[in-house]
C-alpha atoms as a PDB file:
ATOM      1  CA  MET A   1     -16.761  38.143  37.510  1.00  0.00           C
ATOM      2  CA  HIS A   2     -19.132  38.302  34.554  1.00  0.00           C
ATOM      3  CA  ILE A   3     -17.991  39.047  31.000  1.00  0.00           C
ATOM      4  CA  GLY A   4     -19.472  39.031  27.500  1.00  0.00           C
ATOM      5  CA  LEU A   5     -17.954  36.901  24.744  1.00  0.00           C
ATOM      6  CA  ILE A   6     -18.762  37.623  21.114  1.00  0.00           C
ATOM      7  CA  GLY A   7     -17.898  34.785  18.744  1.00  0.00           C
ATOM      8  CA  LEU A   8     -18.387  31.107  19.748  1.00  0.00           C
ATOM      9  CA  GLY A   9     -16.581  29.365  16.865  1.00  0.00           C
ATOM     10  CA  LYS A  10     -13.656  26.916  17.120  1.00  0.00           C
ATOM     11  CA  MET A  11     -11.800  29.069  19.631  1.00  0.00           C
ATOM     12  CA  GLY A  12     -14.523  31.095  21.303  1.00  0.00           C
ATOM     13  CA  PHE A  13     -16.706  28.114  22.168  1.00  0.00           C
ATOM     14  CA  ASN A  14     -13.914  26.409  24.048  1.00  0.00           C
ATOM     15  CA  MET A  15     -12.820  29.652  25.694  1.00  0.00           C
ATOM     16  CA  ARG A  16     -16.302  30.137  27.098  1.00  0.00           C
ATOM     17  CA  GLU A  17     -16.186  26.676  28.673  1.00  0.00           C
ATOM     18  CA  ARG A  18     -12.712  27.193  30.099  1.00  0.00           C
ATOM     19  CA  LEU A  19     -13.751  30.474  31.633  1.00  0.00           C
ATOM     20  CA  ARG A  20     -16.828  29.000  33.118  1.00  0.00           C
ATOM     21  CA  ASN A  21     -14.830  26.097  34.551  1.00  0.00           C
ATOM     22  CA  ALA A  22     -12.677  28.677  36.327  1.00  0.00           C
ATOM     23  CA  GLY A  23     -15.706  30.304  37.922  1.00  0.00           C
ATOM     24  CA  ILE A  24     -16.139  33.253  35.595  1.00  0.00           C
ATOM     25  CA  GLU A  25     -19.699  33.865  34.406  1.00  0.00           C
ATOM     26  CA  VAL A  26     -19.860  34.249  30.610  1.00  0.00           C
ATOM     27  CA  THR A  27     -22.666  35.465  28.403  1.00  0.00           C
ATOM     28  CA  GLY A  28     -21.874  34.423  24.855  1.00  0.00           C
ATOM     29  CA  LEU A  29     -23.216  35.776  21.592  1.00  0.00           C
ATOM     30  CA  ASP A  30     -22.969  34.049  18.233  1.00  0.00           C
ATOM     31  CA  ARG A  31     -24.927  33.951  14.983  1.00  0.00           C
ATOM     32  CA  ASN A  32     -25.331  30.195  15.496  1.00  0.00           C
ATOM     33  CA  PRO A  33     -28.584  29.782  17.534  1.00  0.00           C
ATOM     34  CA  ASP A  34     -27.371  26.352  18.764  1.00  0.00           C
ATOM     35  CA  VAL A  35     -24.500  27.866  20.767  1.00  0.00           C
ATOM     36  CA  THR A  36     -25.435  31.444  21.595  1.00  0.00           C
ATOM     37  CA  ASP A  37     -26.660  32.487  25.045  1.00  0.00           C
ATOM     38  CA  VAL A  38     -28.524  35.594  23.880  1.00  0.00           C
ATOM     39  CA  ALA A  39     -30.358  36.632  20.729  1.00  0.00           C
ATOM     40  CA  GLY A  40     -28.421  39.803  19.951  1.00  0.00           C
ATOM     41  CA  MET A  41     -25.992  42.536  20.956  1.00  0.00           C
ATOM     42  CA  ASP A  42     -28.450  44.542  22.999  1.00  0.00           C
ATOM     43  CA  GLU A  43     -29.376  41.499  25.090  1.00  0.00           C
ATOM     44  CA  LEU A  44     -25.680  40.723  25.610  1.00  0.00           C
ATOM     45  CA  ILE A  45     -24.932  44.244  26.820  1.00  0.00           C
ATOM     46  CA  ALA A  46     -27.947  44.224  29.128  1.00  0.00           C
ATOM     47  CA  ALA A  47     -26.837  40.848  30.646  1.00  0.00           C
ATOM     48  CA  VAL A  48     -23.250  41.937  31.548  1.00  0.00           C
ATOM     49  CA  PRO A  49     -22.958  44.237  34.586  1.00  0.00           C
ATOM     50  CA  ALA A  50     -21.266  47.597  34.187  1.00  0.00           C
ATOM     51  CA  PRO A  51     -18.461  48.452  33.940  1.00  0.00           C
ATOM     52  CA  ARG A  52     -18.484  45.737  31.301  1.00  0.00           C
ATOM     53  CA  LEU A  53     -15.724  43.566  29.917  1.00  0.00           C
ATOM     54  CA  ILE A  54     -16.559  42.324  26.389  1.00  0.00           C
ATOM     55  CA  TRP A  55     -14.195  39.903  24.648  1.00  0.00           C
ATOM     56  CA  VAL A  56     -14.449  39.810  20.864  1.00  0.00           C
ATOM     57  CA  MET A  57     -13.449  36.509  19.239  1.00  0.00           C
ATOM     58  CA  VAL A  58     -14.470  36.798  15.595  1.00  0.00           C
ATOM     59  CA  PRO A  59     -12.550  36.610  12.280  1.00  0.00           C
ATOM     60  CA  SER A  60     -10.273  39.520  11.529  1.00  0.00           C
ATOM     61  CA  GLY A  61     -11.183  42.122   8.961  1.00  0.00           C
ATOM     62  CA  ASP A  62     -14.696  43.273   8.141  1.00  0.00           C
ATOM     63  CA  ILE A  63     -16.426  41.176  10.816  1.00  0.00           C
ATOM     64  CA  THR A  64     -14.214  42.491  13.627  1.00  0.00           C
ATOM     65  CA  GLU A  65     -14.689  46.040  12.252  1.00  0.00           C
ATOM     66  CA  SER A  66     -18.477  45.647  12.294  1.00  0.00           C
ATOM     67  CA  VAL A  67     -18.607  44.208  15.829  1.00  0.00           C
ATOM     68  CA  ILE A  68     -16.330  46.886  17.336  1.00  0.00           C
ATOM     69  CA  THR A  69     -18.188  49.643  15.578  1.00  0.00           C
ATOM     70  CA  GLU A  70     -21.496  48.365  16.994  1.00  0.00           C
ATOM     71  CA  LEU A  71     -19.979  48.074  20.456  1.00  0.00           C
ATOM     72  CA  GLY A  72     -18.748  51.608  20.223  1.00  0.00           C
ATOM     73  CA  SER A  73     -22.280  52.855  19.623  1.00  0.00           C
ATOM     74  CA  LYS A  74     -23.867  50.797  22.447  1.00  0.00           C
ATOM     75  CA  LEU A  75     -21.419  50.419  25.357  1.00  0.00           C
ATOM     76  CA  ASP A  76     -20.978  52.933  28.133  1.00  0.00           C
ATOM     77  CA  ALA A  77     -17.887  54.979  29.116  1.00  0.00           C
ATOM     78  CA  GLY A  78     -15.632  52.898  31.332  1.00  0.00           C
ATOM     79  CA  ASP A  79     -16.466  49.588  29.558  1.00  0.00           C
ATOM     80  CA  LEU A  80     -13.579  47.544  28.247  1.00  0.00           C
ATOM     81  CA  VAL A  81     -13.347  45.784  24.858  1.00  0.00           C
ATOM     82  CA  ILE A  82     -10.739  43.057  24.237  1.00  0.00           C
ATOM     83  CA  ASP A  83     -10.103  41.962  20.664  1.00  0.00           C
ATOM     84  CA  GLY A  84      -8.803  38.374  20.957  1.00  0.00           C
ATOM     85  CA  GLY A  85      -8.992  37.560  17.244  1.00  0.00           C
ATOM     86  CA  ASN A  86      -6.165  37.761  14.758  1.00  0.00           C
ATOM     87  CA  SER A  87      -6.581  41.412  13.762  1.00  0.00           C
ATOM     88  CA  ARG A  88      -3.659  43.303  12.217  1.00  0.00           C
ATOM     89  CA  PHE A  89      -1.981  45.534  14.786  1.00  0.00           C
ATOM     90  CA  THR A  90      -2.650  48.686  12.789  1.00  0.00           C
ATOM     91  CA  GLU A  91      -6.392  47.994  13.102  1.00  0.00           C
ATOM     92  CA  ASP A  92      -6.062  47.849  16.878  1.00  0.00           C
ATOM     93  CA  GLN A  93      -4.766  51.376  16.989  1.00  0.00           C
ATOM     94  CA  LYS A  94      -7.649  52.614  14.919  1.00  0.00           C
ATOM     95  CA  HIS A  95     -10.205  50.731  16.990  1.00  0.00           C
ATOM     96  CA  ALA A  96      -8.749  51.978  20.285  1.00  0.00           C
ATOM     97  CA  ALA A  97      -8.915  55.585  19.050  1.00  0.00           C
ATOM     98  CA  ALA A  98     -12.529  55.270  17.915  1.00  0.00           C
ATOM     99  CA  LEU A  99     -13.604  53.675  21.180  1.00  0.00           C
ATOM    100  CA  ALA A 100     -11.691  56.241  23.218  1.00  0.00           C
ATOM    101  CA  ASP A 101     -13.899  58.934  21.683  1.00  0.00           C
ATOM    102  CA  GLU A 102     -16.786  57.272  23.571  1.00  0.00           C
ATOM    103  CA  GLY A 103     -14.795  56.766  26.767  1.00  0.00           C
ATOM    104  CA  ILE A 104     -14.526  53.009  26.116  1.00  0.00           C
ATOM    105  CA  ARG A 105     -11.246  51.181  26.902  1.00  0.00           C
ATOM    106  CA  PHE A 106      -9.542  48.770  24.457  1.00  0.00           C
ATOM    107  CA  VAL A 107      -7.023  45.934  24.766  1.00  0.00           C
ATOM    108  CA  ASP A 108      -5.753  43.692  21.986  1.00  0.00           C
ATOM    109  CA  CYS A 109      -4.763  40.130  22.803  1.00  0.00           C
ATOM    110  CA  GLY A 110      -3.067  37.537  20.628  1.00  0.00           C
ATOM    111  CA  VAL A 111      -4.327  34.063  21.573  1.00  0.00           C
ATOM    112  CA  SER A 112      -2.527  30.813  20.782  1.00  0.00           C
ATOM    113  CA  GLY A 113      -3.739  27.348  21.607  1.00  0.00           C
ATOM    114  CA  GLY A 114      -6.097  26.400  18.821  1.00  0.00           C
ATOM    115  CA  VAL A 115      -8.592  23.633  19.380  1.00  0.00           C
ATOM    116  CA  TRP A 116      -6.493  22.262  22.288  1.00  0.00           C
ATOM    117  CA  GLY A 117      -6.885  25.417  24.422  1.00  0.00           C
ATOM    118  CA  LEU A 118      -9.834  24.143  26.452  1.00  0.00           C
ATOM    119  CA  LYS A 119      -7.742  21.325  27.858  1.00  0.00           C
ATOM    120  CA  ASN A 120      -4.242  22.828  27.801  1.00  0.00           C
ATOM    121  CA  GLY A 121      -4.905  26.553  28.179  1.00  0.00           C
ATOM    122  CA  TYR A 122      -3.977  29.419  25.899  1.00  0.00           C
ATOM    123  CA  GLY A 123      -0.822  31.399  25.364  1.00  0.00           C
ATOM    124  CA  LEU A 124      -1.742  35.075  25.663  1.00  0.00           C
ATOM    125  CA  MET A 125      -0.009  38.281  24.387  1.00  0.00           C
ATOM    126  CA  ALA A 126      -1.768  41.520  25.419  1.00  0.00           C
ATOM    127  CA  GLY A 127      -1.384  45.094  24.327  1.00  0.00           C
ATOM    128  CA  GLY A 128      -2.870  48.122  26.083  1.00  0.00           C
ATOM    129  CA  GLU A 129      -2.562  50.313  29.106  1.00  0.00           C
ATOM    130  CA  ALA A 130      -1.411  48.780  32.394  1.00  0.00           C
ATOM    131  CA  GLY A 131      -4.677  49.581  34.234  1.00  0.00           C
ATOM    132  CA  ASP A 132      -6.792  47.866  31.557  1.00  0.00           C
ATOM    133  CA  ILE A 133      -4.527  44.794  31.576  1.00  0.00           C
ATOM    134  CA  GLU A 134      -4.725  44.589  35.431  1.00  0.00           C
ATOM    135  CA  ARG A 135      -8.525  44.817  35.222  1.00  0.00           C
ATOM    136  CA  ALA A 136      -8.670  41.803  32.840  1.00  0.00           C
ATOM    137  CA  LEU A 137      -6.087  39.661  34.678  1.00  0.00           C
ATOM    138  CA  PRO A 138      -8.713  37.318  36.141  1.00  0.00           C
ATOM    139  CA  VAL A 139      -9.838  36.481  32.639  1.00  0.00           C
ATOM    140  CA  PHE A 140      -6.293  36.050  31.337  1.00  0.00           C
ATOM    141  CA  ASP A 141      -5.436  33.816  34.330  1.00  0.00           C
ATOM    142  CA  ALA A 142      -8.492  31.651  33.684  1.00  0.00           C
ATOM    143  CA  LEU A 143      -7.586  31.164  30.035  1.00  0.00           C
ATOM    144  CA  ARG A 144      -3.837  30.510  30.358  1.00  0.00           C
ATOM    145  CA  PRO A 145      -2.300  27.210  31.510  1.00  0.00           C
ATOM    146  CA  GLU A 146      -1.626  26.597  35.185  1.00  0.00           C
ATOM    147  CA  GLY A 147       1.767  27.633  36.503  1.00  0.00           C
ATOM    148  CA  ASP A 148       3.768  30.836  36.454  1.00  0.00           C
ATOM    149  CA  ARG A 149       1.890  33.623  34.648  1.00  0.00           C
ATOM    150  CA  ALA A 150       5.101  34.708  32.844  1.00  0.00           C
ATOM    151  CA  ASP A 151       5.297  31.311  31.109  1.00  0.00           C
ATOM    152  CA  SER A 152       2.051  31.834  29.205  1.00  0.00           C
ATOM    153  CA  PHE A 153       1.009  35.480  29.485  1.00  0.00           C
ATOM    154  CA  VAL A 154       2.779  38.724  28.641  1.00  0.00           C
ATOM    155  CA  HIS A 155       1.764  42.356  28.601  1.00  0.00           C
ATOM    156  CA  VAL A 156       3.740  43.079  25.458  1.00  0.00           C
ATOM    157  CA  GLY A 157       3.300  46.851  25.349  1.00  0.00           C
ATOM    158  CA  ALA A 158       0.907  49.489  24.069  1.00  0.00           C
ATOM    159  CA  VAL A 159      -2.225  48.859  22.019  1.00  0.00           C
ATOM    160  CA  GLY A 160      -1.316  46.803  18.947  1.00  0.00           C
ATOM    161  CA  ALA A 161       1.680  45.108  20.598  1.00  0.00           C
ATOM    162  CA  GLY A 162      -0.276  41.971  21.517  1.00  0.00           C
ATOM    163  CA  HIS A 163      -1.381  41.311  17.960  1.00  0.00           C
ATOM    164  CA  TYR A 164       2.063  42.236  16.644  1.00  0.00           C
ATOM    165  CA  ALA A 165       3.620  39.574  18.899  1.00  0.00           C
ATOM    166  CA  LYS A 166       1.016  37.036  17.801  1.00  0.00           C
ATOM    167  CA  MET A 167       1.729  37.899  14.158  1.00  0.00           C
ATOM    168  CA  VAL A 168       5.430  37.123  14.617  1.00  0.00           C
ATOM    169  CA  HIS A 169       4.516  33.980  16.582  1.00  0.00           C
ATOM    170  CA  ASN A 170       2.474  32.776  13.638  1.00  0.00           C
ATOM    171  CA  GLY A 171       5.244  33.649  11.206  1.00  0.00           C
ATOM    172  CA  ILE A 172       7.634  31.473  13.200  1.00  0.00           C
ATOM    173  CA  GLU A 173       5.004  28.779  13.179  1.00  0.00           C
ATOM    174  CA  TYR A 174       5.037  28.869   9.359  1.00  0.00           C
ATOM    175  CA  GLY A 175       8.788  28.194   9.309  1.00  0.00           C
ATOM    176  CA  LEU A 176       8.676  25.410  11.907  1.00  0.00           C
ATOM    177  CA  MET A 177       5.876  23.578  10.124  1.00  0.00           C
ATOM    178  CA  GLN A 178       7.655  23.860   6.787  1.00  0.00           C
ATOM    179  CA  ALA A 179      10.916  22.445   8.202  1.00  0.00           C
ATOM    180  CA  TYR A 180       9.123  19.446   9.709  1.00  0.00           C
ATOM    181  CA  ALA A 181       7.169  18.900   6.476  1.00  0.00           C
ATOM    182  CA  GLU A 182      10.282  19.015   4.307  1.00  0.00           C
ATOM    183  CA  GLY A 183      11.940  16.487   6.580  1.00  0.00           C
ATOM    184  CA  TYR A 184       8.916  14.260   6.248  1.00  0.00           C
ATOM    185  CA  GLU A 185       9.045  14.410   2.456  1.00  0.00           C
ATOM    186  CA  LEU A 186      12.772  13.661   2.395  1.00  0.00           C
ATOM    187  CA  LEU A 187      12.363  10.639   4.633  1.00  0.00           C
ATOM    188  CA  ALA A 188       9.364   9.403   2.635  1.00  0.00           C
ATOM    189  CA  ALA A 189      11.365   9.633  -0.606  1.00  0.00           C
ATOM    190  CA  LYS A 190      14.206   7.358   0.629  1.00  0.00           C
ATOM    191  CA  ASP A 191      13.725   3.614   0.081  1.00  0.00           C
ATOM    192  CA  ILE A 192      15.893   2.559   3.030  1.00  0.00           C
ATOM    193  CA  ILE A 193      13.484   4.211   5.455  1.00  0.00           C
ATOM    194  CA  THR A 194      10.975   1.485   6.351  1.00  0.00           C
ATOM    195  CA  ASP A 195       9.302   3.003   9.403  1.00  0.00           C
ATOM    196  CA  LEU A 196       8.520   6.637   8.739  1.00  0.00           C
ATOM    197  CA  PRO A 197       5.943   7.236  11.505  1.00  0.00           C
ATOM    198  CA  GLY A 198       8.246   5.482  13.976  1.00  0.00           C
ATOM    199  CA  THR A 199      11.103   7.789  13.079  1.00  0.00           C
ATOM    200  CA  PHE A 200       9.085  10.870  14.120  1.00  0.00           C
ATOM    201  CA  ARG A 201       7.784   9.077  17.189  1.00  0.00           C
ATOM    202  CA  ALA A 202      11.373   8.353  18.244  1.00  0.00           C
ATOM    203  CA  TRP A 203      12.179  12.090  18.105  1.00  0.00           C
ATOM    204  CA  GLN A 204       9.517  13.007  20.643  1.00  0.00           C
ATOM    205  CA  LYS A 205      11.742  12.610  23.667  1.00  0.00           C
ATOM    206  CA  GLY A 206      15.378  13.499  24.160  1.00  0.00           C
ATOM    207  CA  THR A 207      16.012  15.152  20.778  1.00  0.00           C
ATOM    208  CA  VAL A 208      16.614  18.805  20.063  1.00  0.00           C
ATOM    209  CA  VAL A 209      13.681  18.933  17.598  1.00  0.00           C
ATOM    210  CA  ARG A 210      11.054  17.638  20.037  1.00  0.00           C
ATOM    211  CA  SER A 211       8.003  19.949  20.320  1.00  0.00           C
ATOM    212  CA  TRP A 212       4.258  20.028  20.455  1.00  0.00           C
ATOM    213  CA  LEU A 213       4.191  20.354  16.686  1.00  0.00           C
ATOM    214  CA  LEU A 214       6.206  17.132  16.404  1.00  0.00           C
ATOM    215  CA  ASP A 215       3.692  15.432  18.705  1.00  0.00           C
ATOM    216  CA  LEU A 216       0.903  16.555  16.442  1.00  0.00           C
ATOM    217  CA  MET A 217       2.785  15.363  13.435  1.00  0.00           C
ATOM    218  CA  VAL A 218       2.934  11.865  14.970  1.00  0.00           C
ATOM    219  CA  LYS A 219      -0.784  12.067  15.732  1.00  0.00           C
ATOM    220  CA  ALA A 220      -1.540  13.057  12.154  1.00  0.00           C
ATOM    221  CA  LEU A 221       0.432  10.059  10.868  1.00  0.00           C
ATOM    222  CA  ASP A 222      -1.302   7.749  13.332  1.00  0.00           C
ATOM    223  CA  GLU A 223      -4.646   8.855  11.961  1.00  0.00           C
ATOM    224  CA  ASP A 224      -3.674   8.721   8.282  1.00  0.00           C
ATOM    225  CA  PRO A 225      -0.208   7.097   7.790  1.00  0.00           C
ATOM    226  CA  GLY A 226       0.211   8.162   4.205  1.00  0.00           C
ATOM    227  CA  LEU A 227      -1.875  11.373   4.463  1.00  0.00           C
ATOM    228  CA  ALA A 228      -3.840   9.884   1.575  1.00  0.00           C
ATOM    229  CA  SER A 229      -7.055  11.702   2.535  1.00  0.00           C
ATOM    230  CA  ILE A 230      -5.500  15.203   2.501  1.00  0.00           C
ATOM    231  CA  ASP A 231      -4.856  17.418  -0.496  1.00  0.00           C
ATOM    232  CA  ASP A 232      -1.582  19.406  -0.563  1.00  0.00           C
ATOM    233  CA  TYR A 233      -3.328  22.720  -0.972  1.00  0.00           C
ATOM    234  CA  VAL A 234      -2.442  24.915   2.037  1.00  0.00           C
ATOM    235  CA  GLU A 235      -4.159  28.166   2.950  1.00  0.00           C
ATOM    236  CA  ASP A 236      -2.430  31.104   4.560  1.00  0.00           C
ATOM    237  CA  SER A 237      -4.498  32.990   7.157  1.00  0.00           C
ATOM    238  CA  GLY A 238      -2.868  36.429   6.907  1.00  0.00           C
ATOM    239  CA  GLU A 239      -0.355  36.570   9.748  1.00  0.00           C
ATOM    240  CA  GLY A 240       2.390  34.986   7.639  1.00  0.00           C
ATOM    241  CA  ARG A 241       1.977  37.655   4.914  1.00  0.00           C
ATOM    242  CA  TRP A 242       1.892  40.420   7.517  1.00  0.00           C
ATOM    243  CA  THR A 243       5.094  39.119   9.105  1.00  0.00           C
ATOM    244  CA  VAL A 244       6.908  39.160   5.813  1.00  0.00           C
ATOM    245  CA  GLU A 245       5.592  42.660   5.081  1.00  0.00           C
ATOM    246  CA  GLU A 246       6.845  43.844   8.452  1.00  0.00           C
ATOM    247  CA  ALA A 247      10.227  42.199   7.859  1.00  0.00           C
ATOM    248  CA  ILE A 248      10.515  44.141   4.602  1.00  0.00           C
ATOM    249  CA  ALA A 249       9.341  47.383   6.208  1.00  0.00           C
ATOM    250  CA  ASN A 250      11.898  47.068   8.982  1.00  0.00           C
ATOM    251  CA  ALA A 251      14.727  45.709   6.816  1.00  0.00           C
ATOM    252  CA  VAL A 252      14.854  42.510   8.900  1.00  0.00           C
ATOM    253  CA  PRO A 253      15.959  39.393   6.976  1.00  0.00           C
ATOM    254  CA  ALA A 254      13.376  36.620   7.425  1.00  0.00           C
ATOM    255  CA  PRO A 255      14.293  34.012   4.775  1.00  0.00           C
ATOM    256  CA  ALA A 256      12.810  30.996   6.562  1.00  0.00           C
ATOM    257  CA  ILE A 257       9.404  32.559   7.186  1.00  0.00           C
ATOM    258  CA  THR A 258       9.295  34.086   3.696  1.00  0.00           C
ATOM    259  CA  ALA A 259      10.218  30.784   2.052  1.00  0.00           C
ATOM    260  CA  ALA A 260       7.546  28.984   4.116  1.00  0.00           C
ATOM    261  CA  LEU A 261       4.904  31.474   2.944  1.00  0.00           C
ATOM    262  CA  PHE A 262       5.945  31.071  -0.679  1.00  0.00           C
ATOM    263  CA  ALA A 263       5.834  27.289  -0.274  1.00  0.00           C
ATOM    264  CA  ARG A 264       2.187  27.614   0.640  1.00  0.00           C
ATOM    265  CA  PHE A 265       1.625  29.573  -2.578  1.00  0.00           C
ATOM    266  CA  SER A 266       3.376  26.857  -4.572  1.00  0.00           C
ATOM    267  CA  SER A 267       1.196  24.171  -2.895  1.00  0.00           C
ATOM    268  CA  ARG A 268      -1.732  25.496  -4.905  1.00  0.00           C
ATOM    269  CA  GLU A 269       0.000  24.501  -8.127  1.00  0.00           C
ATOM    270  CA  ASP A 270       1.956  21.260  -7.501  1.00  0.00           C
ATOM    271  CA  ASN A 271       1.520  17.896  -5.839  1.00  0.00           C
ATOM    272  CA  SER A 272       3.692  17.889  -2.700  1.00  0.00           C
ATOM    273  CA  PRO A 273       3.935  15.407   0.201  1.00  0.00           C
ATOM    274  CA  ALA A 274       5.515  18.191   2.311  1.00  0.00           C
ATOM    275  CA  MET A 275       2.533  20.416   1.831  1.00  0.00           C
ATOM    276  CA  LYS A 276       0.164  17.600   2.708  1.00  0.00           C
ATOM    277  CA  MET A 277       1.968  17.516   6.076  1.00  0.00           C
ATOM    278  CA  VAL A 278       1.687  21.302   6.545  1.00  0.00           C
ATOM    279  CA  SER A 279      -2.041  21.014   5.822  1.00  0.00           C
ATOM    280  CA  ALA A 280      -2.278  18.085   8.310  1.00  0.00           C
ATOM    281  CA  LEU A 281      -0.450  20.063  11.001  1.00  0.00           C
ATOM    282  CA  ARG A 282      -2.697  23.132  10.566  1.00  0.00           C
ATOM    283  CA  ASN A 283      -5.699  20.837  11.063  1.00  0.00           C
ATOM    284  CA  GLN A 284      -4.148  19.174  14.115  1.00  0.00           C
ATOM    285  CA  PHE A 285      -3.378  22.297  16.144  1.00  0.00           C
ATOM    286  CA  GLY A 286      -5.960  24.765  14.888  1.00  0.00           C
ATOM    287  CA  GLY A 287      -8.803  22.757  13.417  1.00  0.00           C
ATOM    288  CA  HIS A 288      -8.227  24.405  10.054  1.00  0.00           C
ATOM    289  CA  ALA A 289     -10.028  22.562   7.289  1.00  0.00           C
ATOM    290  CA  THR A 290      -8.101  20.325   4.883  1.00  0.00           C
ATOM    291  CA  ARG A 291      -9.033  19.751   1.331  1.00  0.00           C
ATOM    292  CA  PRO A 292      -9.826  16.136   0.393  1.00  0.00           C
ATOM    293  CA  ALA A 293      -7.239  14.475  -1.865  1.00  0.00           C
ATOM    294  CA  LYS A 294      -8.065  14.662  -5.530  1.00  0.00           C
END
């Protein structure tokens, strides 16, 4: 199998390597000449045999819009485009309709795994028609972890469903990180606690709060025990806001996710050990940049 991959950043670069390790031929395109396989879109399309499968892994918004618009003008009927970025689900439906006018197929896929995906594999949530999902299964299987497919891949539903599921996944992630971070600050504030990193390390096995995020928390404290090098300013990348907006639109109470989003807003005004930990966790699992401490 031979696919095209557009976008070789933090996620796409590792995805290309994981796919190649699984025996899938990948032609990658990126603006960075040090990592790209081809010079431009026309060369990419010429390199991938028809009917083509092109995976788009670029930032959501205007960049994704530009790439999919260009693909729509250059691909052939029967080709398949997969948007694996963090696009909003409403954009998927618009993109699918525009590509369908040219006879081009479309699937959206939420991808979780961050900078660890090359080694551990990616959790995948796909939206689209069953035939298109079936066609892309070799790619999904190469990207996901070993083991039962149902443990790391799901065909969620129609176009847009994959990114909707990933949006909610990231909203949950906001709440989980905030809970860990607030626990960290509370422990750090108590003078009878003399081994703060060791406390979290002791939770890694046998406790109800054990998780990969907790493992990354321990790793962050190993690397910087007091998080002295990290500012407490925390970005939000969009999915948390969209999750809260969807909760409001559907009259679904989501107090934990909403509070976690608002905490990130407050981090931009106050000094907070908890928000230092949220920033450290985002860096650990996703490679998101931290701000240096002031």
